[in-house]
Amino acid sequence: MRFVPFFNMQVNGNIDFGTHFGFIFGGAIRNVGFIYNLPDTNIKKKYRNYRLGIPVGIKLGRMNKFLFYGGYEIEFPFHYKEKTFVNNAKQDTKISDWFSPRTPSYYHSFFVGVQFPYGFSLKFKYYLSEFFIENFSDVDSNPYQGIKANVWYFSLNFAIFQNKQMLYKEYYNEGQTKKEIY
């Protein structure tokens, strides 16, 4: 389990084809990784990489209220980091690479989620691509041999499919009076 509140950003575009169906697309920068305890040792590894993502998908439901969404995203990693801990003490053996040969040049993933009124959203994402290139060879070893890591996560988001006008001016409930939000 890894909690990452640090720099994950996504910008979405929306095309609504009515009040119950729409198309989503966008761009994202994500910090994705995991923690791995090496079996039968006191060594822990933290792996992560920053990725540029391009999501596309559909949304179904009430566009200004409650909706479900899902789609596909391709992500391109651009910065890899690996840290080693022995007995929970950080070691000086950190690896930090731009466009690392340790990871694939792109990742495939699928996502599904639900958005609630006022822009709060819960999303699940699963990566079809493995985190490492398993046959990557370092100087005299193969550090990722036998590690099969398909990452998945849940994320909490705010205001992903609402336009600027709805967020900063007024939110309308059909048949009711308007409510101010800021």
N, C-alpha and C. Protein backbone atom coordinates (compact mmCIF):
# COMPACT_ATOMS: atom_id res chain seq x y z
N MET A 1 0.84 -1.18 0.00
CA MET A 1 0.00 0.00 0.00
C MET A 1 0.89 1.24 0.00
N ARG A 2 0.55 2.22 -0.81
CA ARG A 2 1.35 3.43 -0.94
C ARG A 2 0.39 4.61 -1.07
N PHE A 3 0.53 5.61 -0.20
CA PHE A 3 -0.29 6.82 -0.25
C PHE A 3 0.54 7.91 -0.92
N VAL A 4 0.02 8.52 -1.99
CA VAL A 4 0.78 9.50 -2.75
C VAL A 4 -0.03 10.78 -2.92
N PRO A 5 0.10 11.73 -2.01
CA PRO A 5 -0.60 12.99 -2.19
C PRO A 5 0.19 13.97 -3.05
N PHE A 6 1.36 13.56 -3.53
CA PHE A 6 2.28 14.47 -4.18
C PHE A 6 2.07 14.53 -5.69
N PHE A 7 1.90 15.69 -6.21
CA PHE A 7 1.82 16.08 -7.61
C PHE A 7 1.28 15.03 -8.57
N ASN A 8 -0.01 14.97 -8.67
CA ASN A 8 -0.72 14.24 -9.71
C ASN A 8 -1.72 15.22 -10.30
N MET A 9 -1.63 15.48 -11.58
CA MET A 9 -2.47 16.50 -12.19
C MET A 9 -3.09 15.94 -13.47
N GLN A 10 -4.37 16.29 -13.67
CA GLN A 10 -5.04 15.88 -14.89
C GLN A 10 -5.93 17.01 -15.38
N VAL A 11 -5.93 17.21 -16.68
CA VAL A 11 -6.79 18.19 -17.32
C VAL A 11 -7.71 17.42 -18.26
N ASN A 12 -9.02 17.67 -18.15
CA ASN A 12 -9.99 16.94 -18.97
C ASN A 12 -10.76 17.87 -19.87
N GLY A 13 -11.08 17.34 -21.03
CA GLY A 13 -12.02 17.99 -21.92
C GLY A 13 -13.28 17.14 -21.95
N ASN A 14 -14.40 17.75 -22.18
CA ASN A 14 -15.69 17.06 -22.17
C ASN A 14 -16.48 17.42 -23.42
N ILE A 15 -17.12 16.43 -23.98
CA ILE A 15 -18.11 16.67 -25.02
C ILE A 15 -19.36 15.92 -24.57
N ASP A 16 -20.41 16.67 -24.26
CA ASP A 16 -21.66 16.06 -23.82
C ASP A 16 -22.61 15.96 -25.01
N PHE A 17 -23.16 14.77 -25.21
CA PHE A 17 -24.10 14.54 -26.30
C PHE A 17 -25.53 14.51 -25.79
N GLY A 18 -25.81 15.28 -24.79
CA GLY A 18 -27.12 15.31 -24.15
C GLY A 18 -26.92 15.35 -22.64
N THR A 19 -28.00 15.11 -21.92
CA THR A 19 -27.92 15.18 -20.46
C THR A 19 -27.48 13.87 -19.81
N HIS A 20 -27.32 12.79 -20.61
CA HIS A 20 -27.00 11.49 -20.01
C HIS A 20 -25.80 10.77 -20.62
N PHE A 21 -25.16 11.34 -21.62
CA PHE A 21 -24.04 10.66 -22.26
C PHE A 21 -23.00 11.69 -22.70
N GLY A 22 -21.73 11.34 -22.51
CA GLY A 22 -20.67 12.25 -22.92
C GLY A 22 -19.37 11.52 -23.19
N PHE A 23 -18.44 12.24 -23.75
CA PHE A 23 -17.11 11.75 -24.10
C PHE A 23 -16.09 12.55 -23.30
N ILE A 24 -15.04 11.89 -22.80
CA ILE A 24 -13.98 12.58 -22.06
C ILE A 24 -12.63 12.30 -22.71
N PHE A 25 -11.74 13.26 -22.60
CA PHE A 25 -10.39 13.12 -23.11
C PHE A 25 -9.52 14.08 -22.31
N GLY A 26 -8.22 13.95 -22.38
CA GLY A 26 -7.39 14.87 -21.62
C GLY A 26 -5.92 14.55 -21.65
N GLY A 27 -5.25 15.08 -20.65
CA GLY A 27 -3.82 14.87 -20.45
C GLY A 27 -3.54 14.84 -18.96
N ALA A 28 -2.51 14.10 -18.56
CA ALA A 28 -2.23 13.95 -17.13
C ALA A 28 -0.73 13.77 -16.89
N ILE A 29 -0.31 14.14 -15.70
CA ILE A 29 1.02 13.81 -15.19
C ILE A 29 0.77 13.06 -13.89
N ARG A 30 1.30 11.84 -13.83
CA ARG A 30 1.03 10.97 -12.67
C ARG A 30 2.31 10.48 -12.04
N ASN A 31 2.24 10.27 -10.73
CA ASN A 31 3.30 9.65 -9.94
C ASN A 31 2.76 8.28 -9.55
N VAL A 32 3.25 7.22 -10.21
CA VAL A 32 2.74 5.87 -10.00
C VAL A 32 3.87 4.97 -9.52
N GLY A 33 3.60 4.17 -8.50
CA GLY A 33 4.63 3.27 -8.01
C GLY A 33 4.09 2.30 -6.99
N PHE A 34 5.02 1.58 -6.36
CA PHE A 34 4.63 0.62 -5.33
C PHE A 34 5.82 0.33 -4.43
N ILE A 35 5.54 -0.30 -3.30
CA ILE A 35 6.54 -0.69 -2.32
C ILE A 35 6.62 -2.21 -2.33
N TYR A 36 7.84 -2.74 -2.33
CA TYR A 36 8.04 -4.19 -2.41
C TYR A 36 9.01 -4.64 -1.33
N ASN A 37 8.57 -5.57 -0.49
CA ASN A 37 9.45 -6.17 0.51
C ASN A 37 10.04 -7.44 -0.09
N LEU A 38 11.36 -7.49 -0.24
CA LEU A 38 12.00 -8.67 -0.81
C LEU A 38 11.79 -9.85 0.12
N PRO A 39 11.34 -10.97 -0.44
CA PRO A 39 11.05 -12.14 0.39
C PRO A 39 12.27 -12.63 1.18
N ASP A 40 12.03 -13.02 2.41
CA ASP A 40 13.05 -13.60 3.29
C ASP A 40 14.24 -12.66 3.54
N THR A 41 14.01 -11.36 3.50
CA THR A 41 15.07 -10.38 3.81
C THR A 41 14.46 -9.24 4.62
N ASN A 42 15.29 -8.33 5.06
CA ASN A 42 14.82 -7.12 5.73
C ASN A 42 15.00 -5.92 4.79
N ILE A 43 14.94 -6.19 3.49
CA ILE A 43 15.11 -5.15 2.47
C ILE A 43 13.75 -4.78 1.89
N LYS A 44 13.52 -3.47 1.82
CA LYS A 44 12.30 -2.93 1.23
C LYS A 44 12.71 -2.00 0.09
N LYS A 45 11.98 -2.08 -1.01
CA LYS A 45 12.25 -1.24 -2.18
C LYS A 45 11.02 -0.38 -2.45
N LYS A 46 11.26 0.89 -2.81
CA LYS A 46 10.20 1.78 -3.25
C LYS A 46 10.49 2.16 -4.70
N TYR A 47 9.52 1.86 -5.56
CA TYR A 47 9.65 2.13 -6.98
C TYR A 47 8.58 3.13 -7.38
N ARG A 48 8.93 4.06 -8.26
CA ARG A 48 7.92 4.97 -8.80
C ARG A 48 8.43 5.57 -10.10
N ASN A 49 7.49 6.00 -10.92
CA ASN A 49 7.88 6.81 -12.06
C ASN A 49 6.79 7.83 -12.36
N TYR A 50 7.25 8.95 -12.89
CA TYR A 50 6.33 9.98 -13.37
C TYR A 50 5.99 9.64 -14.81
N ARG A 51 4.71 9.86 -15.15
CA ARG A 51 4.23 9.50 -16.48
C ARG A 51 3.36 10.61 -17.06
N LEU A 52 3.44 10.75 -18.35
CA LEU A 52 2.55 11.63 -19.09
C LEU A 52 1.44 10.74 -19.66
N GLY A 53 0.20 11.01 -19.30
CA GLY A 53 -0.92 10.16 -19.71
C GLY A 53 -1.89 10.86 -20.64
N ILE A 54 -2.54 10.05 -21.49
CA ILE A 54 -3.57 10.54 -22.40
C ILE A 54 -4.80 9.65 -22.22
N PRO A 55 -5.79 10.11 -21.42
CA PRO A 55 -7.00 9.32 -21.21
C PRO A 55 -8.10 9.65 -22.23
N VAL A 56 -8.88 8.64 -22.59
CA VAL A 56 -10.10 8.82 -23.38
C VAL A 56 -11.16 7.90 -22.79
N GLY A 57 -12.41 8.34 -22.82
CA GLY A 57 -13.45 7.51 -22.25
C GLY A 57 -14.83 8.08 -22.47
N ILE A 58 -15.79 7.43 -21.82
CA ILE A 58 -17.18 7.87 -21.90
C ILE A 58 -17.71 8.09 -20.49
N LYS A 59 -18.76 8.86 -20.40
CA LYS A 59 -19.45 9.09 -19.13
C LYS A 59 -20.94 8.92 -19.35
N LEU A 60 -21.59 8.28 -18.37
CA LEU A 60 -23.02 7.98 -18.44
C LEU A 60 -23.68 8.41 -17.15
N GLY A 61 -24.80 9.06 -17.24
CA GLY A 61 -25.53 9.50 -16.06
C GLY A 61 -26.02 10.92 -16.25
N ARG A 62 -26.32 11.58 -15.16
CA ARG A 62 -26.75 12.99 -15.20
C ARG A 62 -25.51 13.85 -15.22
N MET A 63 -25.24 14.53 -16.31
CA MET A 63 -23.99 15.26 -16.49
C MET A 63 -23.74 16.32 -15.42
N ASN A 64 -24.77 16.88 -14.83
CA ASN A 64 -24.55 17.90 -13.80
C ASN A 64 -24.81 17.37 -12.39
N LYS A 65 -24.93 16.04 -12.26
CA LYS A 65 -25.22 15.47 -10.94
C LYS A 65 -24.32 14.26 -10.67
N PHE A 66 -24.83 13.08 -10.96
CA PHE A 66 -24.20 11.81 -10.61
C PHE A 66 -23.95 11.05 -11.91
N LEU A 67 -22.70 10.59 -12.12
CA LEU A 67 -22.42 9.86 -13.34
C LEU A 67 -21.35 8.80 -13.13
N PHE A 68 -21.34 7.82 -14.03
CA PHE A 68 -20.30 6.79 -14.09
C PHE A 68 -19.44 7.09 -15.30
N TYR A 69 -18.17 6.74 -15.21
CA TYR A 69 -17.28 6.96 -16.35
C TYR A 69 -16.27 5.83 -16.42
N GLY A 70 -15.71 5.66 -17.59
CA GLY A 70 -14.69 4.63 -17.79
C GLY A 70 -13.98 4.86 -19.09
N GLY A 71 -12.82 4.23 -19.22
CA GLY A 71 -12.09 4.40 -20.46
C GLY A 71 -10.71 3.77 -20.43
N TYR A 72 -9.91 4.19 -21.37
CA TYR A 72 -8.56 3.69 -21.60
C TYR A 72 -7.58 4.86 -21.47
N GLU A 73 -6.38 4.54 -21.00
CA GLU A 73 -5.34 5.57 -20.95
C GLU A 73 -4.00 4.96 -21.32
N ILE A 74 -3.26 5.68 -22.14
CA ILE A 74 -1.88 5.30 -22.44
C ILE A 74 -0.99 6.29 -21.71
N GLU A 75 0.07 5.78 -21.08
CA GLU A 75 0.97 6.63 -20.31
C GLU A 75 2.41 6.40 -20.75
N PHE A 76 3.18 7.48 -20.80
CA PHE A 76 4.57 7.45 -21.22
C PHE A 76 5.45 7.87 -20.04
N PRO A 77 6.23 6.93 -19.47
CA PRO A 77 7.07 7.29 -18.32
C PRO A 77 8.24 8.17 -18.73
N PHE A 78 8.54 9.17 -17.89
CA PHE A 78 9.67 10.03 -18.21
C PHE A 78 10.67 10.17 -17.07
N HIS A 79 10.31 9.79 -15.84
CA HIS A 79 11.30 9.81 -14.76
C HIS A 79 11.06 8.65 -13.80
N TYR A 80 12.10 7.84 -13.59
CA TYR A 80 12.05 6.66 -12.74
C TYR A 80 12.88 6.89 -11.49
N LYS A 81 12.37 6.40 -10.35
CA LYS A 81 13.14 6.48 -9.10
C LYS A 81 12.96 5.18 -8.33
N GLU A 82 14.07 4.73 -7.73
CA GLU A 82 14.08 3.51 -6.93
C GLU A 82 14.88 3.79 -5.66
N LYS A 83 14.29 3.47 -4.52
CA LYS A 83 14.97 3.65 -3.23
C LYS A 83 15.03 2.32 -2.51
N THR A 84 16.11 2.11 -1.76
CA THR A 84 16.30 0.88 -1.00
C THR A 84 16.36 1.20 0.48
N PHE A 85 15.69 0.37 1.29
CA PHE A 85 15.68 0.50 2.74
C PHE A 85 16.10 -0.84 3.34
N VAL A 86 17.04 -0.82 4.28
CA VAL A 86 17.44 -2.01 5.02
C VAL A 86 17.10 -1.76 6.48
N ASN A 87 16.29 -2.63 7.07
CA ASN A 87 15.78 -2.43 8.44
C ASN A 87 15.14 -1.05 8.58
N ASN A 88 14.39 -0.65 7.57
CA ASN A 88 13.70 0.65 7.51
C ASN A 88 14.64 1.85 7.51
N ALA A 89 15.92 1.65 7.26
CA ALA A 89 16.88 2.75 7.14
C ALA A 89 17.18 2.97 5.66
N LYS A 90 16.99 4.20 5.21
CA LYS A 90 17.22 4.52 3.80
C LYS A 90 18.70 4.39 3.46
N GLN A 91 18.98 3.75 2.33
CA GLN A 91 20.35 3.55 1.86
C GLN A 91 20.72 4.64 0.85
N ASP A 92 22.00 4.76 0.58
CA ASP A 92 22.47 5.75 -0.39
C ASP A 92 22.50 5.22 -1.81
N THR A 93 21.77 4.18 -2.08
CA THR A 93 21.80 3.53 -3.39
C THR A 93 20.62 3.92 -4.27
N LYS A 94 20.15 5.14 -4.15
CA LYS A 94 18.99 5.59 -4.93
C LYS A 94 19.32 5.60 -6.42
N ILE A 95 18.36 5.14 -7.22
CA ILE A 95 18.47 5.20 -8.68
C ILE A 95 17.46 6.23 -9.16
N SER A 96 17.90 7.15 -9.98
CA SER A 96 17.03 8.19 -10.52
C SER A 96 17.38 8.38 -12.00
N ASP A 97 16.48 7.97 -12.89
CA ASP A 97 16.75 7.99 -14.33
C ASP A 97 15.68 8.75 -15.10
N TRP A 98 16.10 9.53 -16.07
CA TRP A 98 15.17 10.10 -17.04
C TRP A 98 15.05 9.10 -18.18
N PHE A 99 13.84 8.79 -18.60
CA PHE A 99 13.56 7.87 -19.70
C PHE A 99 14.34 6.56 -19.51
N SER A 100 14.09 5.94 -18.39
CA SER A 100 14.82 4.77 -17.93
C SER A 100 14.60 3.53 -18.81
N PRO A 101 15.66 2.76 -19.05
CA PRO A 101 15.50 1.49 -19.76
C PRO A 101 14.93 0.39 -18.85
N ARG A 102 14.73 0.69 -17.57
CA ARG A 102 14.19 -0.28 -16.61
C ARG A 102 12.69 -0.49 -16.76
N THR A 103 12.01 0.47 -17.37
CA THR A 103 10.56 0.42 -17.50
C THR A 103 10.16 0.45 -18.98
N PRO A 104 8.96 -0.03 -19.30
CA PRO A 104 8.50 0.04 -20.69
C PRO A 104 8.42 1.50 -21.17
N SER A 105 8.42 1.68 -22.47
CA SER A 105 8.32 3.04 -23.00
C SER A 105 6.89 3.58 -22.94
N TYR A 106 5.91 2.71 -22.72
CA TYR A 106 4.52 3.15 -22.50
C TYR A 106 3.77 2.09 -21.71
N TYR A 107 2.67 2.50 -21.07
CA TYR A 107 1.82 1.63 -20.26
C TYR A 107 0.38 1.73 -20.77
N HIS A 108 -0.31 0.59 -20.78
CA HIS A 108 -1.74 0.55 -21.11
C HIS A 108 -2.52 0.40 -19.81
N SER A 109 -3.63 1.14 -19.68
CA SER A 109 -4.46 1.00 -18.49
C SER A 109 -5.92 1.25 -18.82
N PHE A 110 -6.78 0.73 -17.93
CA PHE A 110 -8.22 0.98 -18.00
C PHE A 110 -8.66 1.59 -16.68
N PHE A 111 -9.67 2.44 -16.72
CA PHE A 111 -10.17 3.06 -15.50
C PHE A 111 -11.69 3.08 -15.52
N VAL A 112 -12.27 3.05 -14.33
CA VAL A 112 -13.71 3.22 -14.12
C VAL A 112 -13.88 4.08 -12.88
N GLY A 113 -14.97 4.81 -12.84
CA GLY A 113 -15.19 5.65 -11.67
C GLY A 113 -16.61 6.14 -11.58
N VAL A 114 -16.86 6.84 -10.49
CA VAL A 114 -18.16 7.45 -10.25
C VAL A 114 -17.91 8.88 -9.78
N GLN A 115 -18.68 9.80 -10.34
CA GLN A 115 -18.60 11.20 -9.93
C GLN A 115 -19.89 11.60 -9.25
N PHE A 116 -19.75 12.26 -8.13
CA PHE A 116 -20.88 12.74 -7.34
C PHE A 116 -21.10 14.22 -7.63
N PRO A 117 -22.25 14.79 -7.24
CA PRO A 117 -22.47 16.22 -7.44
C PRO A 117 -21.35 17.06 -6.83
N TYR A 118 -21.13 18.22 -7.40
CA TYR A 118 -20.11 19.19 -7.00
C TYR A 118 -18.69 18.72 -7.30
N GLY A 119 -18.53 17.66 -8.12
CA GLY A 119 -17.21 17.32 -8.63
C GLY A 119 -16.38 16.32 -7.88
N PHE A 120 -16.85 15.78 -6.75
CA PHE A 120 -16.09 14.75 -6.03
C PHE A 120 -16.19 13.44 -6.80
N SER A 121 -15.07 12.72 -6.95
CA SER A 121 -15.05 11.50 -7.74
C SER A 121 -14.17 10.43 -7.10
N LEU A 122 -14.54 9.17 -7.30
CA LEU A 122 -13.76 8.02 -6.86
C LEU A 122 -13.47 7.19 -8.11
N LYS A 123 -12.17 6.88 -8.34
CA LYS A 123 -11.77 6.17 -9.55
C LYS A 123 -10.91 4.96 -9.21
N PHE A 124 -11.08 3.88 -10.00
CA PHE A 124 -10.23 2.70 -9.91
C PHE A 124 -9.50 2.58 -11.25
N LYS A 125 -8.19 2.28 -11.17
CA LYS A 125 -7.39 2.15 -12.38
C LYS A 125 -6.54 0.89 -12.31
N TYR A 126 -6.45 0.16 -13.43
CA TYR A 126 -5.65 -1.06 -13.51
C TYR A 126 -4.73 -0.97 -14.73
N TYR A 127 -3.46 -1.28 -14.51
CA TYR A 127 -2.47 -1.27 -15.59
C TYR A 127 -2.30 -2.66 -16.17
N LEU A 128 -2.53 -2.80 -17.46
CA LEU A 128 -2.31 -4.06 -18.15
C LEU A 128 -0.82 -4.33 -18.32
N SER A 129 -0.04 -3.29 -18.47
CA SER A 129 1.41 -3.41 -18.65
C SER A 129 2.09 -3.62 -17.31
N GLU A 130 3.13 -4.45 -17.31
CA GLU A 130 3.92 -4.65 -16.09
C GLU A 130 4.78 -3.42 -15.84
N PHE A 131 5.07 -3.16 -14.57
CA PHE A 131 5.81 -1.96 -14.17
C PHE A 131 7.24 -1.95 -14.72
N PHE A 132 7.91 -3.12 -14.71
CA PHE A 132 9.31 -3.22 -15.13
C PHE A 132 9.44 -3.97 -16.46
N ILE A 133 10.59 -3.81 -17.08
CA ILE A 133 11.01 -4.71 -18.14
C ILE A 133 11.73 -5.83 -17.41
N GLU A 134 11.08 -6.97 -17.33
CA GLU A 134 11.56 -8.05 -16.48
C GLU A 134 12.95 -8.55 -16.88
N ASN A 135 13.30 -8.50 -18.15
CA ASN A 135 14.61 -8.99 -18.56
C ASN A 135 15.66 -7.87 -18.65
N PHE A 136 15.38 -6.71 -18.02
CA PHE A 136 16.38 -5.64 -17.95
C PHE A 136 17.62 -6.18 -17.25
N SER A 137 18.78 -5.86 -17.80
CA SER A 137 20.03 -6.34 -17.22
C SER A 137 20.90 -5.16 -16.82
N ASP A 138 21.23 -5.11 -15.53
CA ASP A 138 22.15 -4.11 -15.00
C ASP A 138 23.56 -4.68 -15.16
N VAL A 139 24.56 -4.00 -14.68
CA VAL A 139 25.96 -4.37 -14.88
C VAL A 139 26.17 -5.89 -14.89
N ASP A 140 25.85 -6.58 -13.83
CA ASP A 140 26.05 -8.03 -13.80
C ASP A 140 24.86 -8.76 -13.18
N SER A 141 23.69 -8.13 -13.18
CA SER A 141 22.53 -8.79 -12.58
C SER A 141 21.26 -8.43 -13.34
N ASN A 142 20.22 -9.14 -13.02
CA ASN A 142 18.91 -8.88 -13.56
C ASN A 142 17.99 -8.56 -12.37
N PRO A 143 17.93 -7.27 -11.93
CA PRO A 143 17.26 -6.94 -10.67
C PRO A 143 15.76 -7.17 -10.63
N TYR A 144 15.08 -7.27 -11.77
CA TYR A 144 13.62 -7.39 -11.77
C TYR A 144 13.15 -8.78 -12.22
N GLN A 145 14.09 -9.70 -12.34
CA GLN A 145 13.74 -11.07 -12.72
C GLN A 145 12.76 -11.65 -11.70
N GLY A 146 11.63 -12.14 -12.18
CA GLY A 146 10.64 -12.76 -11.31
C GLY A 146 9.68 -11.79 -10.65
N ILE A 147 9.85 -10.49 -10.82
CA ILE A 147 8.91 -9.52 -10.24
C ILE A 147 7.86 -9.19 -11.30
N LYS A 148 6.65 -9.67 -11.06
CA LYS A 148 5.51 -9.38 -11.94
C LYS A 148 4.66 -8.34 -11.23
N ALA A 149 4.69 -7.12 -11.71
CA ALA A 149 4.01 -6.02 -11.02
C ALA A 149 3.07 -5.29 -11.97
N ASN A 150 1.78 -5.64 -11.90
CA ASN A 150 0.75 -4.88 -12.59
C ASN A 150 0.08 -4.02 -11.53
N VAL A 151 0.34 -2.75 -11.58
CA VAL A 151 -0.13 -1.82 -10.55
C VAL A 151 -1.61 -1.52 -10.75
N TRP A 152 -2.32 -1.35 -9.65
CA TRP A 152 -3.70 -0.86 -9.65
C TRP A 152 -3.85 0.10 -8.48
N TYR A 153 -4.82 0.99 -8.57
CA TYR A 153 -5.03 1.93 -7.46
C TYR A 153 -6.43 2.51 -7.48
N PHE A 154 -6.81 3.07 -6.33
CA PHE A 154 -8.00 3.88 -6.17
C PHE A 154 -7.54 5.32 -6.00
N SER A 155 -8.28 6.26 -6.55
CA SER A 155 -7.92 7.66 -6.35
C SER A 155 -9.17 8.48 -6.05
N LEU A 156 -8.97 9.51 -5.24
CA LEU A 156 -10.01 10.49 -4.94
C LEU A 156 -9.69 11.75 -5.74
N ASN A 157 -10.68 12.29 -6.40
CA ASN A 157 -10.48 13.45 -7.26
C ASN A 157 -11.53 14.49 -6.93
N PHE A 158 -11.26 15.71 -7.33
CA PHE A 158 -12.25 16.76 -7.17
C PHE A 158 -12.37 17.56 -8.46
N ALA A 159 -13.60 17.78 -8.91
CA ALA A 159 -13.94 18.64 -10.04
C ALA A 159 -13.37 18.17 -11.36
N ILE A 160 -13.44 16.87 -11.65
CA ILE A 160 -12.81 16.42 -12.88
C ILE A 160 -13.64 16.66 -14.13
N PHE A 161 -14.98 16.60 -14.07
CA PHE A 161 -15.77 16.77 -15.29
C PHE A 161 -16.69 17.99 -15.23
N GLN A 162 -16.47 18.89 -14.31
CA GLN A 162 -17.32 20.07 -14.25
C GLN A 162 -16.60 21.24 -14.90
N ASN A 163 -17.37 22.04 -15.59
CA ASN A 163 -16.73 23.17 -16.25
C ASN A 163 -16.52 24.33 -15.27
N LYS A 164 -15.71 25.26 -15.66
CA LYS A 164 -15.32 26.39 -14.81
C LYS A 164 -16.54 27.18 -14.34
N GLN A 165 -17.49 27.39 -15.23
CA GLN A 165 -18.68 28.17 -14.86
C GLN A 165 -19.44 27.50 -13.73
N MET A 166 -19.61 26.18 -13.77
CA MET A 166 -20.34 25.48 -12.71
C MET A 166 -19.58 25.53 -11.39
N LEU A 167 -18.26 25.46 -11.46
CA LEU A 167 -17.49 25.45 -10.22
C LEU A 167 -17.47 26.80 -9.52
N TYR A 168 -17.30 27.87 -10.28
CA TYR A 168 -17.05 29.16 -9.67
C TYR A 168 -18.24 30.09 -9.62
N LYS A 169 -19.30 29.77 -10.32
CA LYS A 169 -20.44 30.69 -10.31
C LYS A 169 -21.63 30.08 -9.59
N GLU A 170 -22.39 29.24 -10.29
CA GLU A 170 -23.62 28.74 -9.70
C GLU A 170 -23.85 27.30 -10.09
N TYR A 171 -24.47 26.57 -9.20
CA TYR A 171 -24.84 25.18 -9.46
C TYR A 171 -26.35 25.11 -9.44
N TYR A 172 -26.96 24.60 -10.50
CA TYR A 172 -28.42 24.58 -10.60
C TYR A 172 -28.95 23.17 -10.38
N ASN A 173 -29.93 23.05 -9.54
CA ASN A 173 -30.70 21.81 -9.41
C ASN A 173 -31.98 22.02 -10.20
N GLU A 174 -32.29 21.10 -11.08
CA GLU A 174 -33.49 21.25 -11.88
C GLU A 174 -34.72 21.29 -10.98
N GLY A 175 -35.57 22.28 -11.19
CA GLY A 175 -36.80 22.40 -10.42
C GLY A 175 -36.61 22.99 -9.04
N GLN A 176 -35.40 23.37 -8.67
CA GLN A 176 -35.14 23.97 -7.37
C GLN A 176 -34.45 25.31 -7.58
N THR A 177 -34.25 26.02 -6.49
CA THR A 177 -33.54 27.28 -6.59
C THR A 177 -32.05 27.01 -6.70
N LYS A 178 -31.33 28.01 -7.18
CA LYS A 178 -29.89 27.82 -7.37
C LYS A 178 -29.15 27.86 -6.05
N LYS A 179 -28.01 27.18 -6.01
CA LYS A 179 -27.18 27.15 -4.79
C LYS A 179 -25.83 27.75 -5.16
N GLU A 180 -25.31 28.62 -4.33
CA GLU A 180 -24.01 29.23 -4.57
C GLU A 180 -22.92 28.29 -4.07
N ILE A 181 -21.86 28.10 -4.85
CA ILE A 181 -20.71 27.36 -4.38
C ILE A 181 -19.44 28.10 -4.79
N TYR A 182 -18.41 27.95 -4.01
CA TYR A 182 -17.13 28.59 -4.34
C TYR A 182 -16.00 27.68 -3.96
